[in-house]
Amino acid sequence: MPTIVHEFDWPDRVVVGTVGLPGSRTFYLQVRAGTRVVSIALEKQQSALLAEKIDEILDRLITFEGNPFSIPTTTPVELVDNDPLEQPVAEEFRTGALSLGWDPSTVQVVIEAYPLIDGDEDGDDDAPDLVEIAEMLLVRIPVGTARAFAKRTREVVGAGRPMCPLCGYPVEADGHTCTLPDI
């Protein structure tokens, strides 16, 4: 069966947002073009790493002589998107792997997301390339939008439960018992 590719070349909107309360939030990468909306679930750590790597790519591109791609050093104010996710959120798949790239011909950051694939029943991981991918998300976003996406994603990730300054674990709403590591 051919892979279903949810492809967005110049989306109207691309954001990471959450559903649920801190401590039990589900993170989504949501893309919209016109009336077409695709939402895929991400782990919090995947969201944070995606934002970090996008900024790294953009920061590296700025260092090219003369900044030939006009990469913004900060988030363009007009591209800031603080709106909630489009409702209802219908999860296409849970993300297992992400790929990030750069297309100099269109001056866009390219995000590819692949679904989480359950391990082989017999534990044979020798042939992972033989797994057929049922669907994937392919998103191309301009550099200003990519900068705004990374900023918002960092804010969404940081809006969760506060971290204990002593042990580094999340502080729950009903309290926290800090267990300091052995020194």
N, C-alpha and C. Protein backbone atom coordinates (compact mmCIF):
# COMPACT_ATOMS: atom_id res chain seq x y z
N MET A 1 0.85 -1.17 0.00
CA MET A 1 0.00 0.00 0.00
C MET A 1 0.90 1.24 0.00
N PRO A 2 0.61 2.24 -0.82
CA PRO A 2 1.44 3.44 -0.87
C PRO A 2 1.32 4.26 0.42
N THR A 3 2.37 4.99 0.72
CA THR A 3 2.40 5.85 1.90
C THR A 3 1.52 7.07 1.68
N ILE A 4 0.68 7.40 2.67
CA ILE A 4 -0.12 8.62 2.63
C ILE A 4 0.78 9.74 3.11
N VAL A 5 0.99 10.75 2.28
CA VAL A 5 1.84 11.88 2.64
C VAL A 5 0.96 13.10 2.85
N HIS A 6 0.94 13.59 4.09
CA HIS A 6 0.24 14.83 4.42
C HIS A 6 1.25 15.95 4.14
N GLU A 7 1.15 16.54 2.95
CA GLU A 7 2.17 17.49 2.51
C GLU A 7 1.64 18.92 2.52
N PHE A 8 2.46 19.81 3.09
CA PHE A 8 2.14 21.23 3.15
C PHE A 8 3.37 22.00 2.69
N ASP A 9 3.27 22.67 1.54
CA ASP A 9 4.41 23.41 1.01
C ASP A 9 4.48 24.84 1.53
N TRP A 10 3.38 25.51 1.63
CA TRP A 10 3.32 26.88 2.15
C TRP A 10 2.11 26.97 3.07
N PRO A 11 2.17 26.35 4.26
CA PRO A 11 0.99 26.32 5.13
C PRO A 11 0.60 27.70 5.64
N ASP A 12 -0.69 27.85 5.92
CA ASP A 12 -1.20 29.08 6.52
C ASP A 12 -0.80 29.15 7.99
N ARG A 13 -0.67 27.97 8.61
CA ARG A 13 -0.35 27.93 10.03
C ARG A 13 0.37 26.63 10.35
N VAL A 14 1.40 26.73 11.21
CA VAL A 14 2.09 25.54 11.72
C VAL A 14 2.51 25.86 13.15
N VAL A 15 1.98 25.07 14.10
CA VAL A 15 2.22 25.35 15.52
C VAL A 15 2.33 24.04 16.30
N VAL A 16 2.94 24.16 17.48
CA VAL A 16 2.87 23.11 18.48
C VAL A 16 1.97 23.65 19.57
N GLY A 17 1.04 22.83 20.01
CA GLY A 17 0.13 23.20 21.10
C GLY A 17 -0.19 21.97 21.92
N THR A 18 -0.97 22.17 22.96
CA THR A 18 -1.28 21.05 23.85
C THR A 18 -2.77 20.95 24.12
N VAL A 19 -3.16 19.77 24.54
CA VAL A 19 -4.51 19.50 25.03
C VAL A 19 -4.33 18.85 26.39
N GLY A 20 -5.04 19.34 27.39
CA GLY A 20 -4.96 18.77 28.73
C GLY A 20 -4.25 19.71 29.69
N LEU A 21 -4.21 19.28 30.94
CA LEU A 21 -3.60 20.06 32.01
C LEU A 21 -2.14 19.68 32.18
N PRO A 22 -1.32 20.62 32.70
CA PRO A 22 0.09 20.28 32.95
C PRO A 22 0.21 19.00 33.77
N GLY A 23 1.09 18.16 33.33
CA GLY A 23 1.27 16.85 33.97
C GLY A 23 0.59 15.74 33.19
N SER A 24 -0.43 16.12 32.42
CA SER A 24 -1.11 15.12 31.58
C SER A 24 -1.47 15.73 30.22
N ARG A 25 -0.61 16.63 29.74
CA ARG A 25 -0.84 17.26 28.45
C ARG A 25 -0.42 16.33 27.32
N THR A 26 -1.10 16.46 26.21
CA THR A 26 -0.67 15.82 24.97
C THR A 26 -0.25 16.93 24.03
N PHE A 27 0.96 16.79 23.47
CA PHE A 27 1.51 17.79 22.56
C PHE A 27 1.14 17.42 21.14
N TYR A 28 0.79 18.43 20.34
CA TYR A 28 0.45 18.23 18.94
C TYR A 28 1.21 19.20 18.05
N LEU A 29 1.66 18.70 16.93
CA LEU A 29 2.14 19.53 15.83
C LEU A 29 0.95 19.64 14.90
N GLN A 30 0.47 20.86 14.70
CA GLN A 30 -0.73 21.06 13.89
C GLN A 30 -0.40 21.97 12.72
N VAL A 31 -0.85 21.57 11.53
CA VAL A 31 -0.59 22.32 10.30
C VAL A 31 -1.93 22.57 9.61
N ARG A 32 -2.08 23.81 9.09
CA ARG A 32 -3.31 24.14 8.37
C ARG A 32 -2.97 24.86 7.08
N ALA A 33 -3.67 24.48 6.03
CA ALA A 33 -3.65 25.20 4.75
C ALA A 33 -5.10 25.27 4.29
N GLY A 34 -5.65 26.47 4.26
CA GLY A 34 -7.07 26.61 3.94
C GLY A 34 -7.90 25.94 5.01
N THR A 35 -8.78 25.03 4.59
CA THR A 35 -9.62 24.31 5.55
C THR A 35 -9.03 22.96 5.95
N ARG A 36 -7.93 22.60 5.34
CA ARG A 36 -7.28 21.31 5.62
C ARG A 36 -6.39 21.44 6.86
N VAL A 37 -6.66 20.62 7.87
CA VAL A 37 -5.89 20.64 9.12
C VAL A 37 -5.40 19.23 9.41
N VAL A 38 -4.11 19.11 9.76
CA VAL A 38 -3.53 17.83 10.16
C VAL A 38 -2.86 18.03 11.52
N SER A 39 -3.16 17.13 12.45
CA SER A 39 -2.58 17.18 13.79
C SER A 39 -1.92 15.84 14.08
N ILE A 40 -0.66 15.90 14.53
CA ILE A 40 0.04 14.68 14.92
C ILE A 40 0.53 14.86 16.35
N ALA A 41 0.49 13.78 17.12
CA ALA A 41 0.91 13.84 18.52
C ALA A 41 2.43 13.73 18.60
N LEU A 42 3.00 14.49 19.54
CA LEU A 42 4.43 14.49 19.80
C LEU A 42 4.66 14.30 21.30
N GLU A 43 5.83 13.87 21.65
CA GLU A 43 6.24 13.88 23.04
C GLU A 43 6.74 15.29 23.36
N LYS A 44 6.71 15.66 24.61
CA LYS A 44 7.20 16.96 25.04
C LYS A 44 8.66 17.14 24.63
N GLN A 45 9.46 16.10 24.82
CA GLN A 45 10.87 16.18 24.48
C GLN A 45 11.09 16.33 22.98
N GLN A 46 10.26 15.68 22.16
CA GLN A 46 10.36 15.84 20.72
C GLN A 46 10.06 17.29 20.32
N SER A 47 9.06 17.87 20.96
CA SER A 47 8.68 19.26 20.68
C SER A 47 9.84 20.20 21.01
N ALA A 48 10.42 20.02 22.20
CA ALA A 48 11.52 20.87 22.64
C ALA A 48 12.72 20.73 21.71
N LEU A 49 13.05 19.50 21.34
CA LEU A 49 14.20 19.27 20.48
C LEU A 49 13.97 19.83 19.07
N LEU A 50 12.75 19.73 18.57
CA LEU A 50 12.43 20.27 17.26
C LEU A 50 12.66 21.79 17.24
N ALA A 51 12.19 22.48 18.28
CA ALA A 51 12.39 23.93 18.36
C ALA A 51 13.88 24.27 18.44
N GLU A 52 14.60 23.52 19.26
CA GLU A 52 16.04 23.76 19.42
C GLU A 52 16.79 23.58 18.11
N LYS A 53 16.49 22.51 17.39
CA LYS A 53 17.20 22.22 16.14
C LYS A 53 16.84 23.19 15.03
N ILE A 54 15.59 23.66 15.00
CA ILE A 54 15.21 24.66 14.01
C ILE A 54 16.02 25.93 14.23
N ASP A 55 16.10 26.37 15.48
CA ASP A 55 16.90 27.55 15.78
C ASP A 55 18.37 27.34 15.43
N GLU A 56 18.89 26.14 15.69
CA GLU A 56 20.29 25.86 15.34
C GLU A 56 20.53 25.98 13.83
N ILE A 57 19.62 25.42 13.04
CA ILE A 57 19.75 25.51 11.58
C ILE A 57 19.72 26.97 11.15
N LEU A 58 18.76 27.73 11.64
CA LEU A 58 18.63 29.14 11.25
C LEU A 58 19.84 29.95 11.70
N ASP A 59 20.31 29.69 12.92
CA ASP A 59 21.49 30.41 13.41
C ASP A 59 22.73 30.09 12.58
N ARG A 60 22.84 28.86 12.14
CA ARG A 60 23.99 28.47 11.31
C ARG A 60 23.90 29.14 9.94
N LEU A 61 22.70 29.23 9.39
CA LEU A 61 22.52 29.86 8.08
C LEU A 61 22.84 31.35 8.12
N ILE A 62 22.60 31.99 9.25
CA ILE A 62 22.90 33.43 9.39
C ILE A 62 24.39 33.68 9.21
N THR A 63 25.21 32.71 9.60
CA THR A 63 26.66 32.91 9.56
C THR A 63 27.23 32.87 8.15
N PHE A 64 26.43 32.42 7.17
CA PHE A 64 26.92 32.45 5.79
C PHE A 64 27.18 33.90 5.41
N GLU A 65 28.22 34.11 4.65
CA GLU A 65 28.64 35.45 4.30
C GLU A 65 27.50 36.25 3.68
N GLY A 66 27.18 37.35 4.34
CA GLY A 66 26.14 38.23 3.84
C GLY A 66 24.72 37.77 4.12
N ASN A 67 24.55 36.68 4.87
CA ASN A 67 23.22 36.13 5.18
C ASN A 67 22.36 36.10 3.90
N PRO A 68 22.77 35.31 2.90
CA PRO A 68 22.11 35.33 1.59
C PRO A 68 20.64 34.92 1.62
N PHE A 69 20.20 34.25 2.68
CA PHE A 69 18.81 33.79 2.74
C PHE A 69 17.93 34.72 3.56
N SER A 70 18.49 35.84 4.05
CA SER A 70 17.76 36.80 4.88
C SER A 70 17.09 36.13 6.08
N ILE A 71 17.88 35.36 6.82
CA ILE A 71 17.38 34.67 8.00
C ILE A 71 17.20 35.69 9.12
N PRO A 72 16.02 35.78 9.72
CA PRO A 72 15.84 36.72 10.83
C PRO A 72 16.56 36.24 12.08
N THR A 73 17.15 37.17 12.82
CA THR A 73 17.85 36.81 14.06
C THR A 73 16.88 36.66 15.22
N THR A 74 15.73 37.33 15.11
CA THR A 74 14.70 37.23 16.13
C THR A 74 13.38 36.87 15.45
N THR A 75 12.38 36.60 16.25
CA THR A 75 11.08 36.24 15.72
C THR A 75 10.36 37.47 15.18
N PRO A 76 9.98 37.45 13.89
CA PRO A 76 9.21 38.56 13.35
C PRO A 76 7.87 38.70 14.08
N VAL A 77 7.60 39.88 14.64
CA VAL A 77 6.42 40.11 15.47
C VAL A 77 5.13 39.74 14.73
N GLU A 78 5.08 40.05 13.44
CA GLU A 78 3.85 39.79 12.68
C GLU A 78 3.57 38.30 12.48
N LEU A 79 4.55 37.45 12.78
CA LEU A 79 4.37 36.00 12.61
C LEU A 79 4.10 35.27 13.92
N VAL A 80 4.07 36.00 15.04
CA VAL A 80 3.79 35.38 16.33
C VAL A 80 2.36 34.85 16.33
N ASP A 81 2.21 33.60 16.75
CA ASP A 81 0.91 32.93 16.77
C ASP A 81 0.69 32.35 18.16
N ASN A 82 -0.15 33.00 18.95
CA ASN A 82 -0.43 32.52 20.30
C ASN A 82 -1.83 31.94 20.42
N ASP A 83 -2.49 31.71 19.29
CA ASP A 83 -3.84 31.16 19.31
C ASP A 83 -3.82 29.68 19.68
N PRO A 84 -4.91 29.19 20.26
CA PRO A 84 -4.97 27.76 20.60
C PRO A 84 -5.03 26.91 19.33
N LEU A 85 -4.87 25.60 19.53
CA LEU A 85 -4.98 24.66 18.40
C LEU A 85 -6.36 24.75 17.79
N GLU A 86 -6.44 24.45 16.49
CA GLU A 86 -7.73 24.38 15.80
C GLU A 86 -8.50 23.19 16.40
N GLN A 87 -9.78 23.41 16.65
CA GLN A 87 -10.61 22.36 17.26
C GLN A 87 -11.60 21.81 16.25
N PRO A 88 -11.99 20.57 16.35
CA PRO A 88 -11.46 19.58 17.28
C PRO A 88 -10.10 19.07 16.79
N VAL A 89 -9.27 18.64 17.74
CA VAL A 89 -7.96 18.09 17.40
C VAL A 89 -8.15 16.61 17.10
N ALA A 90 -7.92 16.25 15.84
CA ALA A 90 -8.05 14.85 15.40
C ALA A 90 -6.66 14.33 15.09
N GLU A 91 -6.16 13.46 15.95
CA GLU A 91 -4.79 12.94 15.80
C GLU A 91 -4.68 11.99 14.62
N GLU A 92 -3.81 12.34 13.66
CA GLU A 92 -3.55 11.46 12.51
C GLU A 92 -2.68 10.28 12.93
N PHE A 93 -1.62 10.58 13.71
CA PHE A 93 -0.75 9.53 14.23
C PHE A 93 0.12 10.09 15.35
N ARG A 94 0.72 9.19 16.12
CA ARG A 94 1.69 9.55 17.15
C ARG A 94 3.08 9.47 16.53
N THR A 95 3.86 10.54 16.70
CA THR A 95 5.16 10.64 16.06
C THR A 95 6.19 9.72 16.71
N GLY A 96 6.88 8.97 15.86
CA GLY A 96 7.98 8.14 16.32
C GLY A 96 9.31 8.76 15.97
N ALA A 97 9.42 9.28 14.75
CA ALA A 97 10.69 9.86 14.28
C ALA A 97 10.41 11.18 13.56
N LEU A 98 11.35 12.10 13.75
CA LEU A 98 11.30 13.39 13.08
C LEU A 98 12.58 13.58 12.28
N SER A 99 12.43 14.27 11.17
CA SER A 99 13.58 14.63 10.34
C SER A 99 13.47 16.12 10.06
N LEU A 100 14.60 16.79 10.08
CA LEU A 100 14.62 18.22 9.86
C LEU A 100 15.63 18.53 8.78
N GLY A 101 15.26 19.40 7.85
CA GLY A 101 16.16 19.72 6.76
C GLY A 101 16.01 21.16 6.30
N TRP A 102 16.77 21.49 5.25
CA TRP A 102 16.79 22.83 4.69
C TRP A 102 16.72 22.73 3.19
N ASP A 103 15.81 23.50 2.57
CA ASP A 103 15.69 23.54 1.13
C ASP A 103 16.11 24.93 0.65
N PRO A 104 17.36 25.06 0.15
CA PRO A 104 17.83 26.38 -0.27
C PRO A 104 17.12 26.90 -1.51
N SER A 105 16.51 26.01 -2.30
CA SER A 105 15.83 26.47 -3.52
C SER A 105 14.55 27.24 -3.21
N THR A 106 13.92 26.94 -2.07
CA THR A 106 12.70 27.65 -1.68
C THR A 106 12.91 28.47 -0.41
N VAL A 107 14.09 28.37 0.18
CA VAL A 107 14.44 29.04 1.43
C VAL A 107 13.44 28.65 2.52
N GLN A 108 13.29 27.35 2.71
CA GLN A 108 12.36 26.82 3.69
C GLN A 108 13.01 25.74 4.56
N VAL A 109 12.55 25.69 5.80
CA VAL A 109 12.89 24.60 6.70
C VAL A 109 11.90 23.47 6.40
N VAL A 110 12.41 22.25 6.35
CA VAL A 110 11.59 21.09 6.01
C VAL A 110 11.50 20.18 7.23
N ILE A 111 10.26 19.90 7.65
CA ILE A 111 10.00 18.99 8.76
C ILE A 111 9.31 17.75 8.21
N GLU A 112 9.85 16.59 8.56
CA GLU A 112 9.21 15.32 8.22
C GLU A 112 8.92 14.59 9.52
N ALA A 113 7.72 14.07 9.66
CA ALA A 113 7.33 13.30 10.84
C ALA A 113 6.80 11.95 10.40
N TYR A 114 7.25 10.92 11.10
CA TYR A 114 6.86 9.55 10.79
C TYR A 114 6.20 8.94 12.01
N PRO A 115 5.23 8.06 11.81
CA PRO A 115 4.52 7.49 12.95
C PRO A 115 5.38 6.54 13.78
N LEU A 116 4.98 6.43 15.03
CA LEU A 116 5.59 5.47 15.92
C LEU A 116 5.24 4.08 15.42
N ILE A 117 6.24 3.23 15.29
CA ILE A 117 6.02 1.88 14.78
C ILE A 117 6.27 0.90 15.91
N ASP A 118 5.29 0.04 16.15
CA ASP A 118 5.44 -0.97 17.19
C ASP A 118 6.56 -1.92 16.81
N GLY A 119 7.31 -2.37 17.81
CA GLY A 119 8.42 -3.29 17.58
C GLY A 119 7.93 -4.61 17.00
N ASP A 120 8.83 -5.29 16.37
CA ASP A 120 8.54 -6.59 15.77
C ASP A 120 8.11 -7.56 16.87
N GLU A 121 7.12 -8.37 16.62
CA GLU A 121 6.59 -9.31 17.60
C GLU A 121 7.65 -10.25 18.15
N ASP A 122 8.54 -10.76 17.29
CA ASP A 122 9.53 -11.73 17.73
C ASP A 122 10.83 -11.07 18.20
N GLY A 123 10.85 -9.73 18.26
CA GLY A 123 12.03 -9.03 18.74
C GLY A 123 13.15 -8.92 17.72
N ASP A 124 12.91 -9.27 16.46
CA ASP A 124 13.93 -9.21 15.43
C ASP A 124 14.00 -7.81 14.86
N ASP A 125 15.01 -7.05 15.28
CA ASP A 125 15.17 -5.67 14.81
C ASP A 125 16.22 -5.57 13.72
N ASP A 126 16.56 -6.70 13.07
CA ASP A 126 17.61 -6.70 12.06
C ASP A 126 17.18 -6.08 10.74
N ALA A 127 15.86 -5.95 10.51
CA ALA A 127 15.39 -5.46 9.23
C ALA A 127 14.42 -4.29 9.39
N PRO A 128 14.83 -3.19 10.08
CA PRO A 128 13.90 -2.09 10.27
C PRO A 128 13.54 -1.37 8.97
N ASP A 129 14.38 -1.46 7.94
CA ASP A 129 14.10 -0.77 6.68
C ASP A 129 12.97 -1.43 5.90
N LEU A 130 12.57 -2.63 6.30
CA LEU A 130 11.51 -3.34 5.58
C LEU A 130 10.12 -2.94 6.07
N VAL A 131 10.06 -2.11 7.13
CA VAL A 131 8.78 -1.67 7.65
C VAL A 131 8.17 -0.68 6.68
N GLU A 132 6.93 -0.93 6.31
CA GLU A 132 6.23 -0.03 5.40
C GLU A 132 5.58 1.09 6.21
N ILE A 133 5.87 2.33 5.86
CA ILE A 133 5.30 3.48 6.54
C ILE A 133 3.93 3.76 5.93
N ALA A 134 2.91 3.75 6.77
CA ALA A 134 1.55 3.97 6.28
C ALA A 134 1.29 5.43 5.92
N GLU A 135 1.85 6.34 6.73
CA GLU A 135 1.65 7.76 6.46
C GLU A 135 2.78 8.57 7.06
N MET A 136 2.88 9.81 6.62
CA MET A 136 3.89 10.73 7.13
C MET A 136 3.41 12.16 6.93
N LEU A 137 4.05 13.08 7.64
CA LEU A 137 3.76 14.50 7.49
C LEU A 137 5.00 15.16 6.91
N LEU A 138 4.82 15.98 5.88
CA LEU A 138 5.90 16.72 5.25
C LEU A 138 5.48 18.19 5.20
N VAL A 139 6.24 19.03 5.92
CA VAL A 139 5.90 20.45 6.02
C VAL A 139 7.11 21.28 5.64
N ARG A 140 6.90 22.27 4.77
CA ARG A 140 7.93 23.22 4.38
C ARG A 140 7.48 24.59 4.86
N ILE A 141 8.35 25.25 5.67
CA ILE A 141 7.97 26.55 6.21
C ILE A 141 9.07 27.57 5.97
N PRO A 142 8.68 28.80 5.61
CA PRO A 142 9.66 29.86 5.39
C PRO A 142 10.41 30.19 6.68
N VAL A 143 11.56 30.84 6.55
CA VAL A 143 12.45 31.07 7.68
C VAL A 143 11.83 31.90 8.80
N GLY A 144 11.07 32.92 8.47
CA GLY A 144 10.42 33.73 9.52
C GLY A 144 9.40 32.91 10.29
N THR A 145 8.61 32.14 9.57
CA THR A 145 7.63 31.26 10.20
C THR A 145 8.33 30.21 11.05
N ALA A 146 9.45 29.70 10.58
CA ALA A 146 10.21 28.71 11.34
C ALA A 146 10.71 29.31 12.65
N ARG A 147 11.18 30.55 12.61
CA ARG A 147 11.66 31.22 13.82
C ARG A 147 10.50 31.40 14.81
N ALA A 148 9.33 31.82 14.30
CA ALA A 148 8.15 32.00 15.15
C ALA A 148 7.68 30.66 15.71
N PHE A 149 7.73 29.60 14.89
CA PHE A 149 7.35 28.25 15.32
C PHE A 149 8.22 27.80 16.49
N ALA A 150 9.53 28.00 16.37
CA ALA A 150 10.47 27.57 17.42
C ALA A 150 10.20 28.34 18.72
N LYS A 151 9.96 29.64 18.61
CA LYS A 151 9.69 30.46 19.80
C LYS A 151 8.43 29.98 20.51
N ARG A 152 7.37 29.81 19.77
CA ARG A 152 6.11 29.37 20.38
C ARG A 152 6.29 28.00 21.00
N THR A 153 6.97 27.10 20.31
CA THR A 153 7.14 25.74 20.82
C THR A 153 7.90 25.77 22.15
N ARG A 154 8.94 26.57 22.25
CA ARG A 154 9.67 26.68 23.53
C ARG A 154 8.75 27.19 24.64
N GLU A 155 7.89 28.15 24.32
CA GLU A 155 6.96 28.69 25.31
C GLU A 155 5.94 27.64 25.75
N VAL A 156 5.43 26.86 24.80
CA VAL A 156 4.45 25.82 25.12
C VAL A 156 5.10 24.75 26.01
N VAL A 157 6.30 24.34 25.65
CA VAL A 157 7.00 23.32 26.44
C VAL A 157 7.27 23.86 27.85
N GLY A 158 7.66 25.12 27.96
CA GLY A 158 7.98 25.71 29.25
C GLY A 158 6.78 26.03 30.12
N ALA A 159 5.58 25.94 29.57
CA ALA A 159 4.37 26.29 30.32
C ALA A 159 3.84 25.14 31.16
N GLY A 160 4.55 24.06 31.22
CA GLY A 160 4.10 22.89 31.99
C GLY A 160 4.39 23.05 33.47
N ARG A 161 4.47 21.93 34.15
CA ARG A 161 4.73 21.93 35.58
C ARG A 161 6.11 22.52 35.85
N PRO A 162 6.22 23.31 36.92
CA PRO A 162 7.54 23.84 37.26
C PRO A 162 8.47 22.71 37.71
N MET A 163 9.76 22.91 37.49
CA MET A 163 10.76 21.92 37.89
C MET A 163 11.29 22.25 39.27
N CYS A 164 11.51 21.24 40.09
CA CYS A 164 12.09 21.43 41.40
C CYS A 164 13.55 21.87 41.24
N PRO A 165 13.95 22.97 41.87
CA PRO A 165 15.32 23.43 41.71
C PRO A 165 16.36 22.52 42.37
N LEU A 166 15.91 21.63 43.27
CA LEU A 166 16.85 20.76 43.97
C LEU A 166 17.06 19.43 43.26
N CYS A 167 15.95 18.77 42.86
CA CYS A 167 16.10 17.44 42.26
C CYS A 167 15.89 17.43 40.76
N GLY A 168 15.26 18.48 40.23
CA GLY A 168 15.05 18.55 38.79
C GLY A 168 13.81 17.84 38.29
N TYR A 169 13.01 17.25 39.18
CA TYR A 169 11.79 16.58 38.76
C TYR A 169 10.62 17.55 38.81
N PRO A 170 9.55 17.28 38.04
CA PRO A 170 8.41 18.20 38.03
C PRO A 170 7.71 18.25 39.39
N VAL A 171 7.23 19.44 39.72
CA VAL A 171 6.46 19.65 40.93
C VAL A 171 4.99 19.48 40.57
N GLU A 172 4.35 18.50 41.18
CA GLU A 172 2.93 18.23 40.89
C GLU A 172 2.04 19.28 41.55
N ALA A 173 0.81 19.42 41.07
CA ALA A 173 -0.12 20.39 41.62
C ALA A 173 -0.47 20.09 43.07
N ASP A 174 -0.44 18.81 43.44
CA ASP A 174 -0.79 18.42 44.81
C ASP A 174 0.43 18.31 45.72
N GLY A 175 1.57 18.82 45.31
CA GLY A 175 2.77 18.83 46.15
C GLY A 175 3.91 18.05 45.54
N HIS A 176 5.02 18.04 46.27
CA HIS A 176 6.23 17.41 45.75
C HIS A 176 7.10 16.96 46.92
N THR A 177 7.52 15.74 46.87
CA THR A 177 8.49 15.23 47.82
C THR A 177 9.81 15.13 47.10
N CYS A 178 10.75 15.97 47.51
CA CYS A 178 12.02 16.04 46.83
C CYS A 178 12.96 14.97 47.36
N THR A 179 13.48 14.17 46.46
CA THR A 179 14.46 13.17 46.80
C THR A 179 15.77 13.60 46.16
N LEU A 180 16.64 14.12 46.99
CA LEU A 180 17.93 14.58 46.48
C LEU A 180 18.79 13.40 46.08
N PRO A 181 19.52 13.52 45.00
CA PRO A 181 20.40 12.43 44.58
C PRO A 181 21.54 12.26 45.57
N ASP A 182 22.06 11.02 45.68
CA ASP A 182 23.18 10.76 46.57
C ASP A 182 24.42 11.46 46.05
N ILE A 183 25.14 12.07 46.98
CA ILE A 183 26.36 12.79 46.60
C ILE A 183 27.57 12.03 47.08
